[in-house]
Amino acid sequence: MDRLRASVQPYAWGDPKFIADLQGRTPSGQPEAELWMGAHPKAPSRLADTDQPLDDAIATDPGILLGTSIAEHYGRLPYLAKVLAAAQPLSIQSHPSLPQARAGYARENDAGVALDAADRT
């Protein structure tokens, strides 16, 4: 088992102290909105002992790091765990499945909803 160092996302709506306090470190002085634990290519966690990005480590030996069935089914880590630290209210987000997204996109196109419409989902 390897220890991971999670990645911090510095979005403007983030709290300046919560994530740093959670990690037991000095705050950066900037908003820190999300702590990402996973292998997302934008900001993968890193193996603490080697500093290797988790997505690279998984690509090297997915069967060992994910288990054979997960590696065969997904080929990658199939989730991204996040800790949110919002210093101001946020909207609620819901991500559809691929079939739901395709159906919704087609439905809005058929209804003539412009791609840049404020009410397009």
N, C-alpha and C. Protein backbone atom coordinates (compact mmCIF):
# COMPACT_ATOMS: atom_id res chain seq x y z
N MET A 1 0.85 -1.17 0.00
CA MET A 1 0.00 0.00 0.00
C MET A 1 0.90 1.23 0.00
N ASP A 2 0.57 2.17 -0.86
CA ASP A 2 1.33 3.41 -0.98
C ASP A 2 0.55 4.57 -0.40
N ARG A 3 1.26 5.46 0.27
CA ARG A 3 0.64 6.71 0.73
C ARG A 3 0.55 7.65 -0.46
N LEU A 4 -0.51 8.44 -0.50
CA LEU A 4 -0.72 9.40 -1.57
C LEU A 4 -0.66 10.82 -1.04
N ARG A 5 -0.23 11.73 -1.89
CA ARG A 5 -0.38 13.16 -1.63
C ARG A 5 -1.43 13.67 -2.59
N ALA A 6 -2.53 14.13 -2.05
CA ALA A 6 -3.65 14.60 -2.85
C ALA A 6 -3.32 15.96 -3.47
N SER A 7 -3.99 16.28 -4.56
CA SER A 7 -3.80 17.55 -5.26
C SER A 7 -4.84 18.57 -4.81
N VAL A 8 -4.43 19.80 -4.71
CA VAL A 8 -5.33 20.89 -4.31
C VAL A 8 -5.69 21.72 -5.53
N GLN A 9 -6.97 22.01 -5.67
CA GLN A 9 -7.46 22.87 -6.75
C GLN A 9 -7.76 24.25 -6.18
N PRO A 10 -7.11 25.29 -6.70
CA PRO A 10 -7.22 26.64 -6.11
C PRO A 10 -8.30 27.51 -6.74
N TYR A 11 -9.55 27.04 -6.76
CA TYR A 11 -10.62 27.84 -7.35
C TYR A 11 -10.96 29.03 -6.46
N ALA A 12 -11.44 30.10 -7.09
CA ALA A 12 -11.69 31.37 -6.38
C ALA A 12 -12.68 31.22 -5.23
N TRP A 13 -13.61 30.26 -5.30
CA TRP A 13 -14.62 30.11 -4.27
C TRP A 13 -14.12 29.33 -3.05
N GLY A 14 -12.88 28.90 -3.08
CA GLY A 14 -12.36 28.05 -2.02
C GLY A 14 -12.05 28.78 -0.73
N ASP A 15 -11.97 28.01 0.34
CA ASP A 15 -11.63 28.52 1.66
C ASP A 15 -10.10 28.61 1.78
N PRO A 16 -9.58 29.67 2.36
CA PRO A 16 -8.13 29.81 2.44
C PRO A 16 -7.44 28.95 3.50
N LYS A 17 -8.20 28.33 4.42
CA LYS A 17 -7.56 27.59 5.51
C LYS A 17 -8.00 26.14 5.68
N PHE A 18 -9.21 25.78 5.28
CA PHE A 18 -9.78 24.49 5.65
C PHE A 18 -8.92 23.31 5.19
N ILE A 19 -8.56 23.26 3.93
CA ILE A 19 -7.79 22.12 3.41
C ILE A 19 -6.42 22.06 4.05
N ALA A 20 -5.78 23.21 4.19
CA ALA A 20 -4.46 23.23 4.86
C ALA A 20 -4.58 22.71 6.29
N ASP A 21 -5.61 23.14 7.01
CA ASP A 21 -5.81 22.64 8.38
C ASP A 21 -6.05 21.14 8.38
N LEU A 22 -6.83 20.65 7.43
CA LEU A 22 -7.11 19.22 7.32
C LEU A 22 -5.82 18.43 7.08
N GLN A 23 -4.92 18.99 6.29
CA GLN A 23 -3.66 18.32 5.97
C GLN A 23 -2.56 18.60 6.99
N GLY A 24 -2.82 19.47 7.94
CA GLY A 24 -1.82 19.78 8.96
C GLY A 24 -0.64 20.59 8.42
N ARG A 25 -0.94 21.51 7.51
CA ARG A 25 0.13 22.34 6.94
C ARG A 25 -0.25 23.81 7.03
N THR A 26 0.70 24.67 6.78
CA THR A 26 0.47 26.11 6.78
C THR A 26 -0.35 26.49 5.55
N PRO A 27 -1.38 27.30 5.72
CA PRO A 27 -2.18 27.73 4.56
C PRO A 27 -1.32 28.45 3.52
N SER A 28 -1.69 28.30 2.27
CA SER A 28 -0.94 28.91 1.17
C SER A 28 -1.19 30.40 1.04
N GLY A 29 -2.28 30.87 1.64
CA GLY A 29 -2.67 32.27 1.48
C GLY A 29 -3.60 32.49 0.30
N GLN A 30 -3.87 31.44 -0.45
CA GLN A 30 -4.76 31.48 -1.60
C GLN A 30 -6.01 30.64 -1.32
N PRO A 31 -7.10 30.89 -2.05
CA PRO A 31 -8.26 30.02 -1.90
C PRO A 31 -7.91 28.59 -2.33
N GLU A 32 -8.30 27.62 -1.53
CA GLU A 32 -8.10 26.20 -1.85
C GLU A 32 -9.48 25.55 -1.78
N ALA A 33 -10.00 25.17 -2.94
CA ALA A 33 -11.39 24.78 -3.04
C ALA A 33 -11.63 23.27 -2.98
N GLU A 34 -10.75 22.50 -3.59
CA GLU A 34 -10.98 21.06 -3.68
C GLU A 34 -9.68 20.31 -3.43
N LEU A 35 -9.78 19.23 -2.70
CA LEU A 35 -8.68 18.30 -2.48
C LEU A 35 -9.02 17.05 -3.28
N TRP A 36 -8.24 16.78 -4.32
CA TRP A 36 -8.52 15.66 -5.22
C TRP A 36 -7.69 14.45 -4.85
N MET A 37 -8.36 13.31 -4.69
CA MET A 37 -7.69 12.05 -4.39
C MET A 37 -8.04 11.07 -5.49
N GLY A 38 -7.11 10.88 -6.42
CA GLY A 38 -7.37 10.00 -7.53
C GLY A 38 -6.32 10.15 -8.60
N ALA A 39 -6.67 9.72 -9.81
CA ALA A 39 -5.72 9.67 -10.92
C ALA A 39 -6.17 10.55 -12.08
N HIS A 40 -6.92 11.60 -11.81
CA HIS A 40 -7.37 12.50 -12.88
C HIS A 40 -6.15 13.11 -13.55
N PRO A 41 -6.09 13.11 -14.89
CA PRO A 41 -4.89 13.61 -15.56
C PRO A 41 -4.61 15.10 -15.32
N LYS A 42 -5.63 15.87 -14.97
CA LYS A 42 -5.42 17.30 -14.70
C LYS A 42 -4.61 17.52 -13.43
N ALA A 43 -4.83 16.69 -12.43
CA ALA A 43 -4.15 16.87 -11.14
C ALA A 43 -4.16 15.55 -10.37
N PRO A 44 -3.38 14.58 -10.83
CA PRO A 44 -3.38 13.29 -10.13
C PRO A 44 -2.74 13.39 -8.75
N SER A 45 -3.20 12.54 -7.84
CA SER A 45 -2.46 12.38 -6.59
C SER A 45 -1.09 11.84 -6.95
N ARG A 46 -0.16 11.97 -6.02
CA ARG A 46 1.20 11.49 -6.27
C ARG A 46 1.57 10.49 -5.19
N LEU A 47 2.35 9.49 -5.57
CA LEU A 47 2.85 8.53 -4.59
C LEU A 47 3.83 9.26 -3.68
N ALA A 48 3.59 9.20 -2.38
CA ALA A 48 4.37 9.98 -1.43
C ALA A 48 5.85 9.63 -1.44
N ASP A 49 6.19 8.37 -1.60
CA ASP A 49 7.60 7.96 -1.54
C ASP A 49 8.40 8.31 -2.79
N THR A 50 7.74 8.33 -3.95
CA THR A 50 8.48 8.52 -5.20
C THR A 50 8.10 9.79 -5.94
N ASP A 51 7.01 10.43 -5.57
CA ASP A 51 6.46 11.60 -6.24
C ASP A 51 5.91 11.27 -7.63
N GLN A 52 5.73 9.98 -7.94
CA GLN A 52 5.19 9.57 -9.23
C GLN A 52 3.69 9.87 -9.27
N PRO A 53 3.19 10.47 -10.36
CA PRO A 53 1.76 10.69 -10.47
C PRO A 53 1.01 9.36 -10.47
N LEU A 54 -0.12 9.30 -9.79
CA LEU A 54 -0.88 8.07 -9.66
C LEU A 54 -1.34 7.54 -11.01
N ASP A 55 -1.72 8.41 -11.93
CA ASP A 55 -2.15 7.91 -13.24
C ASP A 55 -1.01 7.22 -13.99
N ASP A 56 0.21 7.71 -13.83
CA ASP A 56 1.37 7.05 -14.44
C ASP A 56 1.63 5.70 -13.78
N ALA A 57 1.54 5.64 -12.46
CA ALA A 57 1.77 4.38 -11.75
C ALA A 57 0.74 3.34 -12.17
N ILE A 58 -0.51 3.75 -12.30
CA ILE A 58 -1.56 2.82 -12.73
C ILE A 58 -1.31 2.34 -14.15
N ALA A 59 -0.91 3.25 -15.04
CA ALA A 59 -0.64 2.87 -16.43
C ALA A 59 0.49 1.84 -16.52
N THR A 60 1.44 1.91 -15.60
CA THR A 60 2.56 0.98 -15.59
C THR A 60 2.12 -0.43 -15.24
N ASP A 61 1.19 -0.56 -14.28
CA ASP A 61 0.75 -1.89 -13.87
C ASP A 61 -0.68 -1.83 -13.34
N PRO A 62 -1.67 -1.66 -14.25
CA PRO A 62 -3.05 -1.50 -13.80
C PRO A 62 -3.59 -2.70 -13.04
N GLY A 63 -3.21 -3.90 -13.41
CA GLY A 63 -3.72 -5.09 -12.73
C GLY A 63 -3.33 -5.13 -11.26
N ILE A 64 -2.12 -4.70 -10.95
CA ILE A 64 -1.66 -4.70 -9.56
C ILE A 64 -2.31 -3.57 -8.77
N LEU A 65 -2.33 -2.37 -9.32
CA LEU A 65 -2.82 -1.21 -8.56
C LEU A 65 -4.34 -1.10 -8.51
N LEU A 66 -5.03 -1.62 -9.52
CA LEU A 66 -6.49 -1.53 -9.54
C LEU A 66 -7.18 -2.85 -9.21
N GLY A 67 -6.48 -3.94 -9.42
CA GLY A 67 -7.10 -5.25 -9.38
C GLY A 67 -7.50 -5.62 -10.79
N THR A 68 -7.45 -6.90 -11.08
CA THR A 68 -7.67 -7.38 -12.45
C THR A 68 -9.04 -6.99 -13.00
N SER A 69 -10.10 -7.18 -12.24
CA SER A 69 -11.44 -6.92 -12.78
C SER A 69 -11.64 -5.43 -13.08
N ILE A 70 -11.18 -4.54 -12.20
CA ILE A 70 -11.32 -3.10 -12.45
C ILE A 70 -10.46 -2.70 -13.64
N ALA A 71 -9.23 -3.20 -13.69
CA ALA A 71 -8.34 -2.87 -14.81
C ALA A 71 -8.94 -3.32 -16.14
N GLU A 72 -9.53 -4.52 -16.17
CA GLU A 72 -10.12 -5.01 -17.41
C GLU A 72 -11.38 -4.25 -17.79
N HIS A 73 -12.17 -3.88 -16.81
CA HIS A 73 -13.45 -3.21 -17.09
C HIS A 73 -13.26 -1.72 -17.43
N TYR A 74 -12.43 -1.02 -16.66
CA TYR A 74 -12.29 0.42 -16.83
C TYR A 74 -10.96 0.83 -17.45
N GLY A 75 -9.90 0.11 -17.13
CA GLY A 75 -8.58 0.47 -17.63
C GLY A 75 -7.95 1.64 -16.89
N ARG A 76 -8.65 2.17 -15.94
CA ARG A 76 -8.17 3.32 -15.16
C ARG A 76 -8.90 3.33 -13.82
N LEU A 77 -8.51 4.22 -12.93
CA LEU A 77 -9.23 4.37 -11.66
C LEU A 77 -10.59 5.01 -11.98
N PRO A 78 -11.70 4.34 -11.65
CA PRO A 78 -13.00 4.81 -12.12
C PRO A 78 -13.70 5.83 -11.23
N TYR A 79 -12.97 6.51 -10.38
CA TYR A 79 -13.59 7.54 -9.55
C TYR A 79 -12.56 8.59 -9.19
N LEU A 80 -13.04 9.73 -8.72
CA LEU A 80 -12.21 10.80 -8.19
C LEU A 80 -12.86 11.25 -6.90
N ALA A 81 -12.21 11.02 -5.79
CA ALA A 81 -12.73 11.47 -4.50
C ALA A 81 -12.30 12.91 -4.26
N LYS A 82 -13.23 13.73 -3.78
CA LYS A 82 -12.94 15.14 -3.55
C LYS A 82 -13.41 15.55 -2.15
N VAL A 83 -12.65 16.43 -1.54
CA VAL A 83 -13.09 17.15 -0.35
C VAL A 83 -13.27 18.59 -0.81
N LEU A 84 -14.48 19.12 -0.63
CA LEU A 84 -14.75 20.50 -1.02
C LEU A 84 -14.62 21.42 0.17
N ALA A 85 -14.07 22.60 -0.08
CA ALA A 85 -13.92 23.61 0.96
C ALA A 85 -14.43 24.93 0.41
N ALA A 86 -15.73 25.11 0.45
CA ALA A 86 -16.36 26.30 -0.12
C ALA A 86 -16.44 27.42 0.91
N ALA A 87 -15.93 28.57 0.53
CA ALA A 87 -16.02 29.74 1.40
C ALA A 87 -17.24 30.58 1.05
N GLN A 88 -17.95 30.22 -0.03
CA GLN A 88 -19.17 30.90 -0.43
C GLN A 88 -20.12 29.88 -1.04
N PRO A 89 -21.40 30.20 -1.14
CA PRO A 89 -22.37 29.23 -1.67
C PRO A 89 -22.04 28.79 -3.08
N LEU A 90 -22.32 27.51 -3.36
CA LEU A 90 -22.10 26.93 -4.68
C LEU A 90 -23.40 26.40 -5.24
N SER A 91 -23.45 26.29 -6.57
CA SER A 91 -24.59 25.66 -7.20
C SER A 91 -24.46 24.15 -7.05
N ILE A 92 -25.57 23.45 -7.17
CA ILE A 92 -25.56 22.00 -7.12
C ILE A 92 -25.25 21.48 -8.51
N GLN A 93 -24.37 20.48 -8.59
CA GLN A 93 -24.03 19.88 -9.88
C GLN A 93 -24.49 18.44 -9.90
N SER A 94 -24.99 18.03 -11.05
CA SER A 94 -25.37 16.64 -11.25
C SER A 94 -24.88 16.24 -12.62
N HIS A 95 -24.13 15.16 -12.69
CA HIS A 95 -23.56 14.72 -13.96
C HIS A 95 -24.34 13.50 -14.47
N PRO A 96 -24.90 13.61 -15.67
CA PRO A 96 -25.68 12.48 -16.21
C PRO A 96 -24.77 11.36 -16.70
N SER A 97 -25.37 10.20 -16.89
CA SER A 97 -24.66 9.11 -17.55
C SER A 97 -24.50 9.49 -19.03
N LEU A 98 -23.66 8.78 -19.76
CA LEU A 98 -23.47 9.07 -21.17
C LEU A 98 -24.77 8.95 -21.97
N PRO A 99 -25.58 7.89 -21.77
CA PRO A 99 -26.85 7.83 -22.51
C PRO A 99 -27.80 8.99 -22.15
N GLN A 100 -27.84 9.37 -20.87
CA GLN A 100 -28.68 10.50 -20.46
C GLN A 100 -28.20 11.80 -21.11
N ALA A 101 -26.89 11.99 -21.15
CA ALA A 101 -26.33 13.21 -21.74
C ALA A 101 -26.65 13.28 -23.22
N ARG A 102 -26.50 12.17 -23.91
CA ARG A 102 -26.80 12.15 -25.36
C ARG A 102 -28.28 12.44 -25.62
N ALA A 103 -29.15 11.82 -24.83
CA ALA A 103 -30.59 12.03 -25.01
C ALA A 103 -30.97 13.48 -24.71
N GLY A 104 -30.42 14.04 -23.64
CA GLY A 104 -30.72 15.43 -23.30
C GLY A 104 -30.22 16.41 -24.34
N TYR A 105 -29.03 16.15 -24.85
CA TYR A 105 -28.45 17.01 -25.90
C TYR A 105 -29.34 16.98 -27.14
N ALA A 106 -29.75 15.79 -27.55
CA ALA A 106 -30.62 15.65 -28.72
C ALA A 106 -31.96 16.33 -28.48
N ARG A 107 -32.53 16.15 -27.29
CA ARG A 107 -33.83 16.75 -26.96
C ARG A 107 -33.76 18.27 -27.06
N GLU A 108 -32.69 18.88 -26.51
CA GLU A 108 -32.57 20.33 -26.57
C GLU A 108 -32.29 20.82 -27.99
N ASN A 109 -31.52 20.06 -28.76
CA ASN A 109 -31.30 20.41 -30.17
C ASN A 109 -32.61 20.38 -30.93
N ASP A 110 -33.41 19.31 -30.75
CA ASP A 110 -34.69 19.16 -31.43
C ASP A 110 -35.65 20.28 -31.05
N ALA A 111 -35.53 20.79 -29.81
CA ALA A 111 -36.40 21.86 -29.35
C ALA A 111 -35.89 23.24 -29.79
N GLY A 112 -34.72 23.26 -30.41
CA GLY A 112 -34.18 24.54 -30.91
C GLY A 112 -33.48 25.38 -29.84
N VAL A 113 -33.11 24.78 -28.72
CA VAL A 113 -32.42 25.53 -27.67
C VAL A 113 -30.99 25.79 -28.14
N ALA A 114 -30.60 27.08 -28.17
CA ALA A 114 -29.27 27.46 -28.64
C ALA A 114 -28.19 26.86 -27.74
N LEU A 115 -27.05 26.52 -28.35
CA LEU A 115 -25.95 25.93 -27.58
C LEU A 115 -25.45 26.83 -26.46
N ASP A 116 -25.57 28.15 -26.65
CA ASP A 116 -25.09 29.09 -25.62
C ASP A 116 -26.23 29.67 -24.77
N ALA A 117 -27.40 29.06 -24.83
CA ALA A 117 -28.55 29.55 -24.05
C ALA A 117 -28.32 29.36 -22.56
N ALA A 118 -28.70 30.35 -21.78
CA ALA A 118 -28.51 30.27 -20.33
C ALA A 118 -29.31 29.14 -19.70
N ASP A 119 -30.42 28.77 -20.33
CA ASP A 119 -31.28 27.71 -19.76
C ASP A 119 -30.99 26.34 -20.35
N ARG A 120 -29.94 26.21 -21.15
CA ARG A 120 -29.57 24.90 -21.71
C ARG A 120 -28.86 24.09 -20.64
N THR A 121 -29.25 22.81 -20.53
CA THR A 121 -28.62 21.98 -19.52
C THR A 121 -27.68 20.98 -20.15
